[in-house]
């Protein structure tokens, strides 16, 4: 098996494993105690904080270890909003933030606050001027990820941070995907990250809060970690997290160049090898190890299962791989195809031969899945509705069937004619316009229907 999903979680780094094993014997005592074992545990905790702070680019007394990256995000947002409650209750986030940020924003809104979501360009990046335009006098906090977890796009954090500084608004950066590669540039105010993203153990996160940022920890008071993370510190995990962060950063420059070349190869060759594929995300402003592409007429869940059978572990943002049956909020915000989505994120040390074998296997896997879906049983029929119009009834059919049926009948209407696709799968709202973009047809729009919606497409060629 070849593991190509480090954007979800990276394998434990060898340095982390060594540090974890050593600190299990040395770091088990209470670091708040004054006896020898407690002092030893305190030394390990302090040394880890200094190492992590150096990698983050902050002071050691600005950095708190948390039970997870999600905990860091939630406590960071809640503490910053509470600390600036006199300024207002307006929160700004980008439309492609990690779900932990969006869940915190939803909770803030449910509690009476207001939230503005900044749209992104088709590349997946926010425009700094668009972000600056939504900052207001009552904005208490702004959030922007350093790099996207699904498409790898690097956000203009430094420019947005400058706009926030000018407006007097603190900026929280979710740096989970990028911190293993480099420190986050710009005058950010708060930063959150998670150790399992860079090869540290799961269950360790970090939160940095710059001096001078108004911050009020929420929840019952606790003397641990400056009151920002309640409970006994997981010292072995913290030691392993800090050690692995230092180790991967030492390797980052060399590995970034090597992995970028491999990802460039995937980006270039997948569209050559597999027809009807859209490679998404900015080709330049991106993480070096991550690439995402979407395949027309493919069910994401089936595609992932077949790639798993072929020996490759990859991820997907397709709606049919999600328990909610809704497409990835990132792909939706970008306005790109979600069906048949594949995310490849290469681990440090990924072998060129494994990438080549993936490129050899992928075309046959996609072709096989498309063949399975090409005749999906008694499918919806296209029926005439006036001159030059067909109706495709795809109600009750999941992605990518509505798009497959649209593709089958588009040639049956004259140029200038229309096809109305009736569908109640949420993914159709994203995938039909994306199909039109890829195939050079006109997406007219969405109309109400008795069930679901009617998506109208005009044939241009």
Protein backbone atom coordinates (compact mmCIF):
# COMPACT_ATOMS: atom_id res chain seq x y z
CA UNK A 1 0.00 0.00 0.00
CA UNK A 2 1.12 3.54 -0.81
CA UNK A 3 -0.12 6.27 1.54
CA UNK A 4 -0.86 9.53 -0.31
CA UNK A 5 -3.06 11.30 2.29
CA UNK A 6 -0.77 13.22 4.63
CA UNK A 7 -3.07 16.24 4.38
CA UNK A 8 -5.41 14.23 6.61
CA UNK A 9 -2.73 12.86 8.90
CA UNK A 10 0.97 12.20 8.43
CA UNK A 11 2.68 8.99 9.60
CA UNK A 12 4.59 9.34 12.83
CA UNK A 13 8.02 10.80 12.06
CA UNK A 14 10.96 8.63 13.23
CA UNK A 15 12.20 11.52 15.39
CA UNK A 16 8.74 11.79 16.98
CA UNK A 17 8.74 8.07 17.73
CA UNK A 18 12.16 8.27 19.42
CA UNK A 19 11.20 11.37 21.42
CA UNK A 20 7.89 9.83 22.45
CA UNK A 21 9.49 6.64 23.71
CA UNK A 22 12.19 8.52 25.63
CA UNK A 23 9.78 10.99 27.23
CA UNK A 24 7.41 8.24 28.35
CA UNK A 25 10.12 7.32 30.84
CA UNK A 26 11.18 10.88 31.70
CA UNK A 27 8.07 13.06 31.35
CA UNK A 28 5.35 11.30 33.30
CA UNK A 29 5.44 13.44 36.46
CA UNK A 30 3.49 16.61 37.25
CA UNK A 31 5.49 19.58 35.87
CA UNK A 32 3.91 21.84 38.49
CA UNK A 33 5.65 19.99 41.34
CA UNK A 34 9.02 20.95 42.83
CA UNK A 35 10.51 17.51 43.42
CA UNK A 36 13.06 15.98 41.05
CA UNK A 37 10.61 14.12 38.78
CA UNK A 38 8.42 17.21 38.49
CA UNK A 39 11.42 19.42 37.66
CA UNK A 40 12.48 16.95 34.96
CA UNK A 41 9.00 17.02 33.43
CA UNK A 42 9.00 20.83 33.58
CA UNK A 43 12.34 20.97 31.77
CA UNK A 44 10.98 18.77 28.97
CA UNK A 45 7.83 20.90 28.70
CA UNK A 46 9.76 24.19 28.65
CA UNK A 47 12.29 22.91 26.09
CA UNK A 48 9.45 21.73 23.83
CA UNK A 49 7.70 25.08 24.13
CA UNK A 50 10.88 26.91 23.14
CA UNK A 51 11.44 24.63 20.13
CA UNK A 52 7.84 24.97 18.95
CA UNK A 53 7.85 28.74 19.47
CA UNK A 54 11.00 29.05 17.38
CA UNK A 55 9.33 27.13 14.54
CA UNK A 56 6.16 29.21 14.80
CA UNK A 57 8.02 32.51 15.08
CA UNK A 58 6.68 33.66 18.43
CA UNK A 59 7.84 33.97 22.05
CA UNK A 60 7.68 30.84 24.22
CA UNK A 61 5.33 32.57 26.66
CA UNK A 62 2.94 33.27 23.76
CA UNK A 63 2.53 29.58 22.93
CA UNK A 64 0.10 27.14 24.56
CA UNK A 65 -0.13 23.39 23.94
CA UNK A 66 -3.69 22.12 23.48
CA UNK A 67 -5.31 18.67 23.22
CA UNK A 68 -5.79 19.05 19.43
CA UNK A 69 -5.69 21.49 16.55
CA UNK A 70 -9.46 21.77 16.64
CA UNK A 71 -9.31 22.65 20.34
CA UNK A 72 -6.71 25.32 19.50
CA UNK A 73 -8.98 26.83 16.84
CA UNK A 74 -12.09 26.77 19.00
CA UNK A 75 -10.40 28.19 22.10
CA UNK A 76 -8.52 30.76 20.03
CA UNK A 77 -11.66 32.06 18.35
CA UNK A 78 -13.73 32.01 21.53
CA UNK A 79 -11.01 33.70 23.61
CA UNK A 80 -10.34 36.42 21.04
CA UNK A 81 -14.04 37.18 20.56
CA UNK A 82 -14.57 37.35 24.32
CA UNK A 83 -11.52 39.53 24.80
CA UNK A 84 -12.79 42.02 22.22
CA UNK A 85 -16.48 41.93 23.06
CA UNK A 86 -16.48 45.69 23.64
CA UNK A 87 -15.26 46.24 20.06
CA UNK A 88 -18.20 44.29 18.65
CA UNK A 89 -19.44 40.81 17.79
CA UNK A 90 -18.60 40.67 14.09
CA UNK A 91 -16.45 37.74 12.90
CA UNK A 92 -14.89 37.45 9.43
CA UNK A 93 -13.87 34.10 7.89
CA UNK A 94 -13.06 32.92 4.39
CA UNK A 95 -15.45 30.56 2.62
CA UNK A 96 -12.82 27.81 2.45
CA UNK A 97 -11.74 27.64 6.10
CA UNK A 98 -11.37 24.28 7.83
CA UNK A 99 -14.61 22.96 9.29
CA UNK A 100 -13.33 23.70 12.83
CA UNK A 101 -13.32 27.41 12.01
CA UNK A 102 -16.70 27.31 10.29
CA UNK A 103 -18.23 25.37 13.20
CA UNK A 104 -16.91 27.97 15.63
CA UNK A 105 -18.35 30.70 13.40
CA UNK A 106 -21.74 28.95 13.35
CA UNK A 107 -21.72 28.71 17.15
CA UNK A 108 -20.86 32.42 17.40
CA UNK A 109 -23.72 33.29 15.06
CA UNK A 110 -26.14 31.07 16.99
CA UNK A 111 -25.17 32.98 20.13
CA UNK A 112 -26.17 36.32 18.60
CA UNK A 113 -22.96 37.32 16.83
CA UNK A 114 -22.62 38.16 13.15
CA UNK A 115 -20.40 36.42 10.61
CA UNK A 116 -19.21 37.52 7.17
CA UNK A 117 -17.87 34.85 4.82
CA UNK A 118 -15.39 36.16 2.25
CA UNK A 119 -15.75 34.50 -1.15
CA UNK A 120 -12.75 33.05 -2.97
CA UNK A 121 -11.65 33.14 -6.57
CA UNK A 122 -11.85 30.03 -8.76
CA UNK A 123 -8.23 29.33 -7.78
CA UNK A 124 -9.33 28.97 -4.15
CA UNK A 125 -7.58 32.09 -2.85
CA UNK A 126 -9.17 35.17 -1.30
CA UNK A 127 -8.44 38.55 -2.82
CA UNK A 128 -6.82 40.73 -0.12
CA UNK A 129 -8.84 43.76 -1.20
CA UNK A 130 -12.08 41.77 -0.93
CA UNK A 131 -11.13 40.63 2.56
CA UNK A 132 -10.20 44.17 3.61
CA UNK A 133 -13.51 45.48 2.29
CA UNK A 134 -15.59 43.50 4.82
CA UNK A 135 -13.67 44.61 7.92
CA UNK A 136 -15.85 46.95 9.99
CA UNK A 137 -15.69 49.04 13.11
CA UNK A 138 -17.41 46.27 15.07
CA UNK A 139 -15.25 43.46 13.71
CA UNK A 140 -13.81 41.62 16.71
CA UNK A 141 -11.79 38.97 14.89
CA UNK A 142 -10.80 37.81 11.41
CA UNK A 143 -9.73 34.26 10.44
CA UNK A 144 -7.74 33.07 7.43
CA UNK A 145 -6.03 29.72 6.88
CA UNK A 146 -2.42 29.79 5.72
CA UNK A 147 -3.03 27.05 3.13
CA UNK A 148 -6.10 25.08 2.15
CA UNK A 149 -6.40 21.49 3.31
CA UNK A 150 -8.25 20.26 0.20
CA UNK A 151 -6.58 22.00 -2.74
CA UNK A 152 -3.31 23.24 -1.21
CA UNK A 153 -3.75 26.88 -2.21
CA UNK A 154 -1.56 29.23 -0.16
CA UNK A 155 -3.54 32.23 1.03
CA UNK A 156 -2.21 35.83 1.02
CA UNK A 157 -1.88 35.92 4.81
CA UNK A 158 0.70 38.72 4.94
CA UNK A 159 -1.46 41.07 2.84
CA UNK A 160 -4.63 40.26 4.79
CA UNK A 161 -2.76 40.63 8.09
CA UNK A 162 -1.65 44.12 7.03
CA UNK A 163 -5.25 45.05 6.18
CA UNK A 164 -6.37 43.73 9.57
CA UNK A 165 -3.61 45.64 11.37
CA UNK A 166 -4.69 48.85 9.62
CA UNK A 167 -8.29 48.21 10.68
CA UNK A 168 -7.26 47.33 14.26
CA UNK A 169 -8.60 43.78 13.96
CA UNK A 170 -6.65 40.72 15.18
CA UNK A 171 -6.13 37.92 12.64
CA UNK A 172 -6.23 34.23 13.60
CA UNK A 173 -4.38 31.93 11.20
CA UNK A 174 -5.11 28.22 10.96
CA UNK A 175 -1.63 26.99 10.00
CA UNK A 176 -2.28 23.25 10.33
CA UNK A 177 -1.41 22.43 6.72
CA UNK A 178 1.59 24.71 6.27
CA UNK A 179 3.48 24.89 9.57
CA UNK A 180 5.53 21.79 8.81
CA UNK A 181 6.86 23.50 5.70
CA UNK A 182 7.60 27.02 6.91
CA UNK A 183 6.68 29.72 9.40
CA UNK A 184 3.64 31.83 8.55
CA UNK A 185 4.62 35.25 7.25
CA UNK A 186 2.88 38.47 8.17
CA UNK A 187 1.75 40.30 11.26
CA UNK A 188 -0.78 37.72 12.45
CA UNK A 189 -2.21 37.88 15.98
CA UNK A 190 -3.18 34.28 16.77
CA UNK A 191 -2.12 30.98 15.21
CA UNK A 192 -3.37 27.42 15.59
CA UNK A 193 -1.88 24.14 14.36
CA UNK A 194 -2.03 20.38 14.91
CA UNK A 195 0.92 18.00 15.39
CA UNK A 196 -0.47 15.03 13.46
CA UNK A 197 -0.32 17.11 10.26
CA UNK A 198 3.51 17.26 10.34
CA UNK A 199 4.30 13.78 11.66
CA UNK A 200 3.81 14.36 15.37
CA UNK A 201 1.39 12.31 17.47
CA UNK A 202 -2.34 12.91 17.35
CA UNK A 203 -3.81 14.65 20.38
CA UNK A 204 -1.40 17.61 20.46
CA UNK A 205 -2.18 21.06 19.10
CA UNK A 206 -0.76 24.48 19.67
CA UNK A 207 -2.17 27.97 20.01
CA UNK A 208 -0.05 31.10 19.81
CA UNK A 209 -1.47 34.40 21.06
CA UNK A 210 0.72 37.46 20.53
CA UNK A 211 1.36 39.77 23.45
CA UNK A 212 -1.01 42.71 23.35
CA UNK A 213 -3.91 40.75 21.83
CA UNK A 214 -6.99 41.00 24.02
CA UNK A 215 -7.84 37.44 24.99
CA UNK A 216 -10.20 36.03 27.61
CA UNK A 217 -10.07 32.25 28.07
CA UNK A 218 -13.51 30.67 28.12
CA UNK A 219 -14.75 27.83 30.31
CA UNK A 220 -13.86 26.98 33.92
CA UNK A 221 -10.57 28.46 35.11
CA UNK A 222 -7.54 26.14 35.12
CA UNK A 223 -3.97 26.86 36.12
CA UNK A 224 -2.48 24.72 33.32
CA UNK A 225 -1.07 26.31 30.15
CA UNK A 226 -1.80 29.87 31.26
CA UNK A 227 -5.44 28.94 31.69
CA UNK A 228 -5.90 28.38 27.95
CA UNK A 229 -5.91 24.56 27.88
CA UNK A 230 -7.40 22.83 30.89
CA UNK A 231 -6.06 19.52 32.11
CA UNK A 232 -2.78 17.72 32.71
CA UNK A 233 -0.25 18.31 29.93
CA UNK A 234 0.49 15.36 27.65
CA UNK A 235 4.23 15.84 28.03
CA UNK A 236 5.38 12.78 26.00
CA UNK A 237 3.11 13.84 23.14
CA UNK A 238 4.22 17.47 23.39
CA UNK A 239 7.91 16.48 23.36
CA UNK A 240 7.35 14.29 20.30
CA UNK A 241 5.35 17.04 18.55
CA UNK A 242 8.04 19.67 19.08
CA UNK A 243 10.85 17.29 18.10
CA UNK A 244 9.12 16.24 14.88
CA UNK A 245 8.28 19.84 13.96
CA UNK A 246 11.94 20.77 14.24
CA UNK A 247 12.94 17.68 12.24
CA UNK A 248 10.51 18.20 9.36
CA UNK A 249 11.37 21.87 9.10
CA UNK A 250 15.05 20.90 8.75
CA UNK A 251 14.08 18.68 5.80
CA UNK A 252 11.44 21.01 4.36
CA UNK A 253 13.41 23.02 1.80
CA UNK A 254 14.96 19.98 0.16
CA UNK A 255 11.78 17.92 0.20
CA UNK A 256 9.61 20.81 -0.98
CA UNK A 257 11.59 21.13 -4.21
CA UNK A 258 11.50 17.38 -4.85
CA UNK A 259 7.81 16.93 -4.06
CA UNK A 260 6.83 20.01 -6.06
CA UNK A 261 8.37 18.41 -9.14
CA UNK A 262 6.40 15.21 -8.53
CA UNK A 263 3.15 17.13 -8.02
CA UNK A 264 3.83 19.17 -11.18
CA UNK A 265 4.16 15.84 -12.98
CA UNK A 266 0.77 14.70 -11.65
CA UNK A 267 -0.85 18.03 -12.53
CA UNK A 268 0.46 17.85 -16.10
CA UNK A 269 -0.06 14.17 -16.86
CA UNK A 270 -3.43 13.38 -15.31
CA UNK A 271 -5.35 15.49 -17.89
CA UNK A 272 -3.27 13.84 -20.64
CA UNK A 273 -3.94 10.33 -19.39
CA UNK A 274 -7.57 10.70 -18.27
CA UNK A 275 -10.14 12.54 -20.42
CA UNK A 276 -12.61 14.97 -18.86
CA UNK A 277 -10.55 15.87 -15.81
CA UNK A 278 -10.28 19.24 -14.08
CA UNK A 279 -7.16 19.91 -11.99
CA UNK A 280 -8.21 22.49 -9.41
CA UNK A 281 -6.40 25.07 -7.32
CA UNK A 282 -3.71 27.61 -8.10
CA UNK A 283 -0.85 25.91 -10.01
CA UNK A 284 1.81 28.16 -8.45
CA UNK A 285 0.66 29.51 -5.06
CA UNK A 286 0.21 26.11 -3.44
CA UNK A 287 1.72 23.67 -0.99
CA UNK A 288 4.49 21.61 -2.61
CA UNK A 289 3.05 18.18 -1.88
CA UNK A 290 -0.69 18.42 -2.63
CA UNK A 291 -2.79 18.20 -5.80
CA UNK A 292 -6.53 17.81 -6.32
CA UNK A 293 -8.38 16.86 -9.50
CA UNK A 294 -11.96 15.93 -10.36
CA UNK A 295 -13.11 13.39 -12.95
CA UNK A 296 -16.37 13.79 -14.82
CA UNK A 297 -18.86 10.90 -14.80
CA UNK A 298 -17.24 9.21 -11.80
CA UNK A 299 -18.63 8.44 -8.35
CA UNK A 300 -16.05 9.51 -5.78
CA UNK A 301 -16.70 6.71 -3.31
CA UNK A 302 -16.30 4.01 -5.94
CA UNK A 303 -13.17 5.67 -7.29
CA UNK A 304 -11.54 5.76 -3.85
CA UNK A 305 -12.42 2.13 -3.20
CA UNK A 306 -10.93 1.07 -6.53
CA UNK A 307 -7.74 3.07 -5.92
CA UNK A 308 -7.52 1.47 -2.48
CA UNK A 309 -7.81 -1.98 -4.10
CA UNK A 310 -5.03 -0.95 -6.47
CA UNK A 311 -2.81 -0.10 -3.48
CA UNK A 312 -3.21 3.69 -3.09
CA UNK A 313 -4.66 5.56 -0.11
CA UNK A 314 -5.99 8.93 -1.25
CA UNK A 315 -8.75 11.29 -0.14
CA UNK A 316 -11.68 13.04 -1.80
CA UNK A 317 -13.95 16.04 -1.46
CA UNK A 318 -16.74 14.45 -3.49
CA UNK A 319 -20.19 14.58 -1.94
CA UNK A 320 -20.67 10.84 -2.42
CA UNK A 321 -17.80 10.13 -0.04
CA UNK A 322 -19.36 12.23 2.72
CA UNK A 323 -21.89 11.14 5.31
CA UNK A 324 -23.74 14.43 4.76
CA UNK A 325 -24.11 13.79 1.00
CA UNK A 326 -23.20 17.42 0.32
CA UNK A 327 -20.21 18.43 -1.78
CA UNK A 328 -17.06 19.79 -0.22
CA UNK A 329 -17.62 23.36 0.95
CA UNK A 330 -14.19 24.21 -0.46
CA UNK A 331 -14.94 22.94 -3.98
CA UNK A 332 -18.39 24.56 -3.80
CA UNK A 333 -16.91 27.93 -2.84
CA UNK A 334 -14.43 27.67 -5.72
CA UNK A 335 -17.20 26.79 -8.18
CA UNK A 336 -15.33 23.77 -9.54
CA UNK A 337 -16.37 20.20 -10.26
CA UNK A 338 -16.84 18.06 -7.15
CA UNK A 339 -17.74 14.67 -8.61
CA UNK A 340 -14.99 12.09 -8.87
CA UNK A 341 -12.68 14.25 -6.78
CA UNK A 342 -9.26 12.90 -5.78
CA UNK A 343 -6.81 14.59 -3.40
CA UNK A 344 -3.24 13.34 -3.50
CA UNK A 345 -0.95 14.59 -0.72
CA UNK A 346 2.55 13.13 -0.83
CA UNK A 347 4.47 12.33 2.37
CA UNK A 348 8.04 13.45 2.85
CA UNK A 349 10.21 10.79 1.28
CA UNK A 350 7.54 9.78 -1.26
CA UNK A 351 9.14 7.64 -3.96
CA UNK A 352 9.11 8.74 -7.60
CA UNK A 353 8.35 5.12 -8.56
CA UNK A 354 5.14 5.20 -6.49
CA UNK A 355 3.99 8.37 -8.24
CA UNK A 356 4.69 6.79 -11.62
CA UNK A 357 2.76 3.67 -10.65
CA UNK A 358 -0.17 5.84 -9.53
CA UNK A 359 -0.18 7.52 -12.94
CA UNK A 360 -0.13 4.11 -14.62
CA UNK A 361 -3.00 2.76 -12.54
CA UNK A 362 -5.29 5.81 -12.51
CA UNK A 363 -6.52 5.78 -16.16
CA UNK A 364 -7.70 2.18 -15.96
CA UNK A 365 -9.38 2.73 -12.61
CA UNK A 366 -11.28 5.80 -13.85
CA UNK A 367 -12.25 4.06 -17.09
CA UNK A 368 -13.55 1.08 -15.12
CA UNK A 369 -15.68 3.24 -12.83
CA UNK A 370 -17.05 5.18 -15.79
CA UNK A 371 -17.94 1.92 -17.51
CA UNK A 372 -19.85 0.81 -14.42
CA UNK A 373 -21.84 4.06 -14.39
CA UNK A 374 -22.34 4.32 -18.17
CA UNK A 375 -25.38 2.03 -18.05
CA UNK A 376 -26.75 2.50 -14.53
CA UNK A 377 -29.90 0.43 -15.09
CA UNK A 378 -33.23 1.98 -16.02
CA UNK A 379 -32.00 5.54 -15.97
CA UNK A 380 -33.99 8.75 -16.37
CA UNK A 381 -35.40 9.39 -19.81
CA UNK A 382 -35.07 12.62 -21.74
CA UNK A 383 -38.49 13.85 -22.85
CA UNK A 384 -39.28 16.73 -25.20
CA UNK A 385 -40.70 19.92 -23.73
CA UNK A 386 -41.46 22.27 -26.57
CA UNK A 387 -39.22 23.09 -29.51
CA UNK A 388 -35.52 22.61 -28.85
CA UNK A 389 -35.93 21.58 -25.20
CA UNK A 390 -35.41 18.26 -23.41
CA UNK A 391 -36.10 17.35 -19.81
CA UNK A 392 -33.90 14.86 -17.95
CA UNK A 393 -35.51 13.43 -14.83
CA UNK A 394 -32.64 12.60 -12.47
CA UNK A 395 -34.66 12.89 -9.28
CA UNK A 396 -33.52 10.46 -6.65
CA UNK A 397 -30.21 9.82 -8.40
CA UNK A 398 -26.89 10.63 -6.74
CA UNK A 399 -23.80 12.16 -8.24
CA UNK A 400 -22.60 11.78 -10.93
CA UNK A 401 -25.72 10.34 -12.60
CA UNK A 402 -27.41 13.74 -13.29
CA UNK A 403 -24.32 14.94 -15.15
CA UNK A 404 -23.93 11.65 -17.02
CA UNK A 405 -27.52 11.85 -18.25
CA UNK A 406 -27.07 15.50 -19.24
CA UNK A 407 -23.98 14.58 -21.27
CA UNK A 408 -25.89 11.78 -23.03
CA UNK A 409 -28.65 14.05 -24.35
CA UNK A 410 -26.98 17.42 -24.94
CA UNK A 411 -26.31 16.40 -28.55
CA UNK A 412 -29.99 15.63 -29.11
CA UNK A 413 -31.04 19.27 -28.92
CA UNK A 414 -30.17 21.78 -31.65
CA UNK A 415 -27.55 24.44 -31.07
CA UNK A 416 -29.34 27.09 -29.03
CA UNK A 417 -31.70 24.49 -27.57
CA UNK A 418 -31.86 23.72 -23.86
CA UNK A 419 -31.86 20.76 -21.49
CA UNK A 420 -33.62 20.97 -18.12
CA UNK A 421 -32.13 18.56 -15.59
CA UNK A 422 -34.41 17.75 -12.68
CA UNK A 423 -32.29 16.71 -9.69
CA UNK A 424 -32.51 16.65 -5.90
CA UNK A 425 -28.86 15.75 -5.22
CA UNK A 426 -27.17 18.76 -3.65
CA UNK A 427 -24.02 18.13 -5.71
CA UNK A 428 -25.89 18.88 -8.94
CA UNK A 429 -25.99 22.56 -7.97
CA UNK A 430 -22.21 22.60 -8.25
CA UNK A 431 -21.44 19.90 -10.81
CA UNK A 432 -23.79 20.93 -13.62
CA UNK A 433 -22.37 24.49 -13.88
CA UNK A 434 -18.86 23.02 -13.61
CA UNK A 435 -19.65 20.58 -16.43
CA UNK A 436 -20.82 23.47 -18.60
CA UNK A 437 -17.56 25.32 -17.90
CA UNK A 438 -15.51 22.27 -18.89
CA UNK A 439 -17.56 21.38 -22.00
CA UNK A 440 -18.13 24.87 -23.40
CA UNK A 441 -21.89 24.92 -22.87
CA UNK A 442 -23.98 27.69 -21.27
CA UNK A 443 -25.37 27.26 -17.80
CA UNK A 444 -28.59 29.27 -17.89
CA UNK A 445 -29.47 28.89 -14.22
CA UNK A 446 -31.54 27.10 -11.63
CA UNK A 447 -35.31 27.09 -11.54
CA UNK A 448 -37.68 25.91 -8.78
CA UNK A 449 -39.33 22.52 -9.20
CA UNK A 450 -41.84 20.41 -7.29
CA UNK A 451 -38.91 18.31 -6.03
CA UNK A 452 -35.31 19.42 -6.01
CA UNK A 453 -34.55 21.95 -8.69
CA UNK A 454 -34.39 22.29 -12.47
CA UNK A 455 -30.95 23.13 -13.88
CA UNK A 456 -31.14 24.65 -17.35
CA UNK A 457 -28.30 24.20 -19.85
CA UNK A 458 -28.15 25.72 -23.35
CA UNK A 459 -26.22 23.94 -26.08
CA UNK A 460 -23.63 26.25 -27.68
CA UNK A 461 -21.79 23.78 -29.91
